N, C-alpha and C. Protein backbone atom coordinates (compact mmCIF):
# COMPACT_ATOMS: atom_id res chain seq x y z
N MET A 1 66.44 48.63 -67.86
CA MET A 1 65.37 48.00 -68.91
C MET A 1 66.24 47.28 -69.69
N LYS A 2 65.77 46.29 -70.27
CA LYS A 2 66.15 45.13 -71.08
C LYS A 2 66.24 45.57 -72.55
N THR A 3 67.16 45.28 -73.06
CA THR A 3 67.29 45.33 -74.60
C THR A 3 66.52 44.41 -75.46
N CYS A 4 65.88 44.98 -76.38
CA CYS A 4 65.28 44.09 -77.63
C CYS A 4 66.03 43.61 -78.81
N LYS A 5 66.10 42.34 -79.17
CA LYS A 5 66.69 42.17 -80.62
C LYS A 5 65.39 42.35 -81.55
N ILE A 6 65.71 43.38 -82.51
CA ILE A 6 64.51 43.44 -83.57
C ILE A 6 65.09 42.81 -84.90
N THR A 7 64.35 41.77 -85.46
CA THR A 7 65.06 41.37 -86.82
C THR A 7 64.06 41.34 -87.54
N VAL A 8 64.19 41.96 -88.87
CA VAL A 8 63.48 41.94 -89.95
C VAL A 8 63.31 40.78 -90.67
N LEU A 9 62.13 40.02 -90.59
CA LEU A 9 61.57 38.58 -90.90
C LEU A 9 61.37 38.76 -92.42
N LYS A 10 60.61 39.74 -92.89
CA LYS A 10 59.79 39.90 -94.18
C LYS A 10 59.85 41.24 -94.42
N THR A 11 59.76 41.47 -95.69
CA THR A 11 59.64 42.76 -95.99
C THR A 11 58.30 42.48 -97.17
N LEU A 12 57.28 43.39 -97.17
CA LEU A 12 55.88 43.06 -97.97
C LEU A 12 55.63 44.32 -98.88
N MET A 13 55.00 43.87 -99.74
CA MET A 13 54.11 45.20 -100.51
C MET A 13 52.99 44.61 -101.24
N MET A 14 51.63 45.06 -100.76
CA MET A 14 50.38 44.50 -101.25
C MET A 14 50.08 45.04 -102.63
N ASP A 15 50.50 44.37 -103.66
CA ASP A 15 50.52 44.97 -105.02
C ASP A 15 49.08 45.40 -105.33
N ASP A 16 47.99 44.58 -104.90
CA ASP A 16 46.74 44.88 -105.16
C ASP A 16 46.30 46.11 -104.59
N LEU A 17 46.78 46.46 -103.39
CA LEU A 17 46.45 47.71 -103.02
C LEU A 17 47.31 49.01 -103.58
N ALA A 18 48.51 48.59 -103.80
CA ALA A 18 49.29 49.72 -104.41
C ALA A 18 48.95 49.97 -105.65
N LYS A 19 48.39 49.13 -106.37
CA LYS A 19 47.97 49.32 -107.82
C LYS A 19 46.90 50.16 -107.86
N GLU A 20 45.91 49.94 -106.63
CA GLU A 20 44.68 50.79 -106.74
C GLU A 20 44.91 52.15 -106.32
N HIS A 21 45.98 52.42 -105.21
CA HIS A 21 45.73 53.47 -104.58
C HIS A 21 47.18 54.36 -104.59
N ALA A 22 48.51 53.79 -105.24
CA ALA A 22 49.50 54.22 -105.09
C ALA A 22 50.00 54.85 -106.70
N SER A 23 51.12 55.49 -106.63
CA SER A 23 51.59 56.05 -108.12
C SER A 23 52.13 54.89 -108.72
N ASP A 24 52.35 54.99 -110.08
CA ASP A 24 53.11 53.88 -110.78
C ASP A 24 54.74 53.56 -110.30
N THR A 25 55.33 54.40 -109.68
CA THR A 25 56.53 54.44 -109.39
C THR A 25 56.67 54.00 -107.79
N PHE A 26 55.44 53.65 -107.04
CA PHE A 26 55.53 53.07 -105.76
C PHE A 26 56.40 51.79 -105.58
N THR A 27 57.08 51.47 -104.85
CA THR A 27 57.67 50.48 -104.70
C THR A 27 57.70 49.70 -103.05
N LYS A 28 58.04 48.62 -102.53
CA LYS A 28 57.95 48.36 -101.26
C LYS A 28 59.51 49.38 -100.73
N CYS A 29 59.28 49.65 -99.58
CA CYS A 29 60.26 50.29 -98.83
C CYS A 29 61.85 49.62 -98.88
N PRO A 30 62.57 50.60 -99.39
CA PRO A 30 63.98 49.83 -99.62
C PRO A 30 65.02 49.93 -98.44
N GLN A 31 64.50 50.66 -97.38
CA GLN A 31 65.33 50.53 -96.12
C GLN A 31 65.88 49.62 -95.39
N HIS A 32 65.15 48.61 -95.53
CA HIS A 32 65.24 47.15 -94.55
C HIS A 32 65.46 46.26 -95.58
N ARG A 33 66.40 45.14 -95.18
CA ARG A 33 66.31 43.83 -95.77
C ARG A 33 66.31 42.64 -94.84
N VAL A 34 65.72 41.61 -95.42
CA VAL A 34 65.30 40.30 -94.63
C VAL A 34 66.73 39.98 -93.90
N GLY A 35 66.49 39.78 -92.67
CA GLY A 35 67.87 39.64 -91.85
C GLY A 35 68.59 40.83 -90.96
N ASP A 36 68.08 41.80 -91.34
CA ASP A 36 68.53 42.98 -90.55
C ASP A 36 68.37 42.85 -89.18
N VAL A 37 69.20 43.35 -88.34
CA VAL A 37 69.08 43.12 -86.88
C VAL A 37 69.43 44.64 -86.42
N PHE A 38 68.53 44.66 -85.42
CA PHE A 38 68.75 45.96 -84.67
C PHE A 38 68.43 45.82 -83.19
N LEU A 39 69.00 46.89 -82.16
CA LEU A 39 68.61 46.53 -80.80
C LEU A 39 67.91 47.86 -80.39
N GLY A 40 66.97 47.59 -79.48
CA GLY A 40 66.08 48.78 -78.88
C GLY A 40 65.61 48.47 -77.78
N SER A 41 64.89 49.65 -77.23
CA SER A 41 64.38 49.68 -76.05
C SER A 41 63.10 50.43 -75.94
N TYR A 42 63.37 51.94 -75.50
CA TYR A 42 62.41 52.91 -75.45
C TYR A 42 62.62 53.70 -76.89
N ALA A 43 63.72 53.85 -77.24
CA ALA A 43 64.02 54.84 -78.24
C ALA A 43 64.08 53.99 -79.86
N LYS A 44 63.76 54.81 -80.90
CA LYS A 44 64.03 54.03 -81.99
C LYS A 44 65.48 53.76 -82.44
N PRO A 45 65.87 52.65 -82.68
CA PRO A 45 67.28 52.58 -83.19
C PRO A 45 67.83 53.24 -84.33
N ASP A 46 69.16 53.54 -84.24
CA ASP A 46 69.68 54.35 -85.37
C ASP A 46 69.42 53.51 -86.67
N GLY A 47 69.08 54.12 -87.54
CA GLY A 47 68.95 53.48 -89.07
C GLY A 47 67.58 52.81 -89.34
N PHE A 48 66.80 52.81 -88.14
CA PHE A 48 65.41 51.91 -88.29
C PHE A 48 64.31 52.83 -89.00
N CYS A 49 63.47 52.40 -89.67
CA CYS A 49 62.46 53.17 -90.42
C CYS A 49 61.46 53.76 -89.45
N ASP A 50 61.17 55.08 -89.61
CA ASP A 50 60.37 55.61 -88.90
C ASP A 50 59.00 54.93 -88.69
N GLU A 51 58.41 54.59 -89.93
CA GLU A 51 56.94 54.10 -89.91
C GLU A 51 56.86 52.45 -89.47
N ALA A 52 58.15 51.86 -89.68
CA ALA A 52 58.06 50.81 -88.84
C ALA A 52 58.27 50.69 -87.43
N TRP A 53 58.87 51.78 -87.09
CA TRP A 53 58.82 51.72 -85.61
C TRP A 53 57.57 52.13 -84.77
N LYS A 54 56.94 53.20 -85.52
CA LYS A 54 55.61 53.41 -85.13
C LYS A 54 54.70 52.31 -85.03
N ALA A 55 55.18 51.29 -85.92
CA ALA A 55 54.13 50.15 -86.10
C ALA A 55 54.55 48.97 -84.55
N ILE A 56 55.83 49.06 -84.39
CA ILE A 56 56.09 48.08 -83.36
C ILE A 56 56.50 48.38 -81.83
N TYR A 57 56.99 50.01 -81.93
CA TYR A 57 57.59 50.44 -80.71
C TYR A 57 56.55 49.78 -79.22
N GLN A 58 55.52 49.94 -79.44
CA GLN A 58 54.88 49.54 -78.05
C GLN A 58 55.14 48.24 -77.77
N TYR A 59 55.30 47.19 -78.62
CA TYR A 59 55.78 45.80 -78.26
C TYR A 59 57.21 45.99 -77.94
N VAL A 60 58.37 46.60 -78.33
CA VAL A 60 59.57 46.66 -78.05
C VAL A 60 59.66 47.31 -76.44
N PHE A 61 58.73 48.21 -76.18
CA PHE A 61 58.83 48.97 -74.86
C PHE A 61 58.39 47.98 -73.68
N ALA A 62 57.06 47.26 -74.30
CA ALA A 62 56.67 46.15 -73.24
C ALA A 62 57.64 45.03 -73.11
N LEU A 63 58.41 44.69 -73.96
CA LEU A 63 59.18 43.56 -73.83
C LEU A 63 60.48 44.10 -73.02
N SER A 64 60.87 45.16 -73.25
CA SER A 64 62.30 45.84 -72.77
C SER A 64 61.97 46.05 -71.53
N ASN A 65 60.61 46.25 -70.95
CA ASN A 65 60.13 46.31 -69.35
C ASN A 65 59.73 45.03 -68.82
N GLN A 66 59.62 43.92 -69.67
CA GLN A 66 59.12 42.85 -69.27
C GLN A 66 57.87 42.73 -68.66
N THR A 67 56.87 43.68 -69.23
CA THR A 67 55.63 44.01 -68.92
C THR A 67 54.64 42.71 -69.35
N ALA A 68 54.78 42.21 -70.43
CA ALA A 68 53.85 41.73 -71.64
C ALA A 68 54.52 40.32 -71.91
N ASP A 69 53.04 39.51 -71.87
CA ASP A 69 53.18 38.00 -72.63
C ASP A 69 52.53 38.21 -73.78
N PHE A 70 53.34 37.96 -75.10
CA PHE A 70 52.67 38.27 -76.37
C PHE A 70 52.31 36.85 -76.94
N SER A 71 51.99 35.94 -76.01
CA SER A 71 51.73 34.59 -76.71
C SER A 71 50.45 34.64 -77.48
N PHE A 72 49.61 35.55 -77.22
CA PHE A 72 48.27 35.68 -77.94
C PHE A 72 47.65 34.75 -77.97
N LYS A 73 47.35 33.85 -76.79
CA LYS A 73 46.60 32.90 -76.70
C LYS A 73 46.97 31.86 -77.61
N GLY A 74 48.40 31.52 -77.79
CA GLY A 74 48.91 30.31 -78.50
C GLY A 74 49.56 30.62 -79.76
N TRP A 75 49.17 31.82 -80.41
CA TRP A 75 49.72 32.27 -81.57
C TRP A 75 51.24 32.34 -81.58
N VAL A 76 52.02 32.66 -80.74
CA VAL A 76 53.54 33.02 -80.73
C VAL A 76 53.77 31.79 -79.48
N GLU A 77 54.68 30.81 -80.17
CA GLU A 77 54.94 29.84 -79.13
C GLU A 77 56.19 30.24 -78.27
N THR A 78 57.16 31.19 -78.68
CA THR A 78 58.45 31.47 -78.12
C THR A 78 58.17 32.65 -77.17
N PRO A 79 58.47 32.57 -75.70
CA PRO A 79 58.07 33.30 -74.60
C PRO A 79 59.05 34.81 -75.16
N GLY A 80 58.54 35.91 -74.71
CA GLY A 80 59.24 37.28 -75.05
C GLY A 80 59.34 37.25 -76.34
N THR A 81 58.48 36.90 -77.13
CA THR A 81 58.52 37.15 -78.58
C THR A 81 57.17 37.90 -79.19
N ALA A 82 57.36 39.08 -80.13
CA ALA A 82 56.28 39.39 -80.72
C ALA A 82 56.53 39.45 -82.06
N ILE A 83 55.52 39.07 -82.92
CA ILE A 83 55.83 39.23 -84.48
C ILE A 83 54.79 40.04 -85.04
């Protein structure tokens, strides 16, 4: 099984949704910083956010097994990359 490099490209918080639905103390997740790098395959890398892993694990697994093309009909130009 191939290992995938996972890079944090951006951290986001939807201020409008947070204002409408979250408490006043709600902030964007402090666990990751832009530029953080992890290596993964089938298991969540140590120190990786559980919720972020739930969002990307299927892509990491597929890329690790070289079973998927994530070009999304031209959306992603770099082969072997999912964003």
